[in-house]
Structure formats: structure tokens, C-alpha cells
Protein backbone atom coordinates (compact mmCIF):
# COMPACT_ATOMS: atom_id res chain seq x y z
CA UNK A 1 -22.39 -1.30 -5.17
CA UNK A 2 -23.08 -0.35 -8.68
CA UNK A 3 -21.54 -1.44 -12.03
CA UNK A 4 -20.62 2.14 -12.77
CA UNK A 5 -16.86 2.79 -11.86
CA UNK A 6 -16.05 6.18 -10.04
CA UNK A 7 -14.58 8.52 -13.02
CA UNK A 8 -11.30 8.85 -11.08
CA UNK A 9 -10.43 5.12 -11.35
CA UNK A 10 -7.89 5.47 -14.24
CA UNK A 11 -7.02 1.61 -14.05
CA UNK A 12 -10.54 0.27 -15.39
CA UNK A 13 -10.93 3.32 -18.14
CA UNK A 14 -9.65 0.96 -20.85
CA UNK A 15 -11.87 -1.96 -19.43
CA UNK A 16 -15.21 -2.78 -21.48
CA UNK A 17 -18.48 -2.70 -19.15
CA UNK A 18 -18.97 -6.17 -20.08
CA UNK A 19 -15.63 -6.88 -18.41
CA UNK A 20 -16.40 -4.94 -15.55
CA UNK A 21 -19.65 -6.50 -14.82
CA UNK A 22 -17.97 -9.84 -14.90
CA UNK A 23 -15.14 -8.63 -12.62
CA UNK A 24 -17.80 -7.20 -10.06
CA UNK A 25 -19.60 -10.28 -10.14
CA UNK A 26 -16.43 -12.43 -9.29
CA UNK A 27 -15.68 -9.96 -6.60
CA UNK A 28 -19.26 -10.11 -5.02
CA UNK A 29 -18.97 -13.88 -4.90
CA UNK A 30 -15.52 -13.96 -3.16
CA UNK A 31 -15.35 -14.44 0.41
CA UNK A 32 -14.34 -11.70 2.61
CA UNK A 33 -11.59 -13.61 4.20
CA UNK A 34 -9.89 -13.94 0.63
CA UNK A 35 -10.44 -10.25 -0.10
CA UNK A 36 -8.74 -9.38 3.22
CA UNK A 37 -5.72 -11.72 2.37
CA UNK A 38 -5.42 -9.58 -0.92
CA UNK A 39 -5.45 -6.39 0.95
CA UNK A 40 -2.61 -7.87 3.19
CA UNK A 41 -0.75 -8.75 0.18
CA UNK A 42 -1.01 -5.34 -1.60
CA UNK A 43 0.00 -3.71 1.49
CA UNK A 44 3.16 -5.84 1.76
CA UNK A 45 3.84 -5.18 -1.70
CA UNK A 46 3.64 -1.50 -1.38
CA UNK A 47 5.85 -1.54 1.85
CA UNK A 48 8.41 -3.50 -0.26
CA UNK A 49 8.27 -0.87 -2.84
CA UNK A 50 8.78 1.81 -0.29
CA UNK A 51 11.80 0.01 1.04
CA UNK A 52 13.23 -0.44 -2.37
CA UNK A 53 13.18 3.22 -2.93
CA UNK A 54 14.62 3.99 0.59
CA UNK A 55 17.49 1.73 0.00
CA UNK A 56 18.41 3.40 -3.34
CA UNK A 57 18.42 6.72 -1.63
CA UNK A 58 20.08 5.49 1.53
CA UNK A 59 22.36 2.58 0.59
CA UNK A 60 24.21 2.85 3.67
CA UNK A 61 20.95 2.16 5.66
CA UNK A 62 20.56 -1.14 7.39
CA UNK A 63 17.30 -3.24 7.12
CA UNK A 64 16.25 -1.65 10.43
CA UNK A 65 16.54 2.02 9.26
CA UNK A 66 15.07 1.10 6.03
CA UNK A 67 11.94 -0.46 7.77
CA UNK A 68 11.96 2.65 10.13
CA UNK A 69 11.93 5.05 7.30
CA UNK A 70 9.30 3.16 5.42
CA UNK A 71 7.01 3.55 8.33
CA UNK A 72 7.63 6.95 8.98
CA UNK A 73 6.56 7.77 5.22
CA UNK A 74 3.11 6.76 6.39
CA UNK A 75 2.67 7.68 10.07
CA UNK A 76 3.25 11.04 12.10
CA UNK A 77 6.40 11.86 13.74
CA UNK A 78 4.90 11.77 17.24
CA UNK A 79 3.93 8.20 16.53
CA UNK A 80 7.05 7.15 15.26
CA UNK A 81 8.83 8.37 18.37
CA UNK A 82 6.23 6.86 20.75
CA UNK A 83 5.75 3.50 18.90
CA UNK A 84 9.61 2.78 17.85
CA UNK A 85 11.74 5.47 19.75
CA UNK A 86 13.14 6.62 16.45
CA UNK A 87 12.85 10.55 15.51
CA UNK A 88 12.73 10.92 11.50
CA UNK A 89 13.61 14.45 12.11
CA UNK A 90 17.10 13.46 13.69
CA UNK A 91 17.77 11.09 10.52
CA UNK A 92 17.34 13.42 7.58
């Protein structure tokens, strides 16, 4: 890993090189299990954000439908049918 960020990472463009170096050093020292926990936390947060949008679009939907619609936004129709027995095309 280099200390140079990828040019497309907008979230760090306003961060000084010194601050980025400190951030990268802290990340290098963090245990892998802690990083993995962060990944799961971020994933959970994204799922909740998607579900909130679905609730606004489909206020009549129950929690199961909200969940299914959220998952369907990330996986194929075929997998939705196979895994959940729910066809997103039938619920448009």
C-alpha cells in the first residue's frame, strides 16, 4: 500500500498528505478483526439506508417486503427467486 490515494477517491481530496499518512499508519496497525467489524457495520448502515428509501417509496410495505426489496437491489432476480422465493418483477 502506498501513501498516495487513488485520484477518484473524492472523500480524501481535502485531506492533507500529512493527515493521510497518519490515517494510513493507524489503519496498518489495526487488527484485521477490527477492520472486518467495521466492514460489517458499514454494510449494515448501507442496508438501513436502502431500507429507509424503500419505506419512503412503498409506505404500505411491511418489514419483510422492505427487506426483500433491499436485497433485490443488490442481487439478481434469479437469486432472489431461488433464495427467498420472491420475484421482484412480480412486485414492481
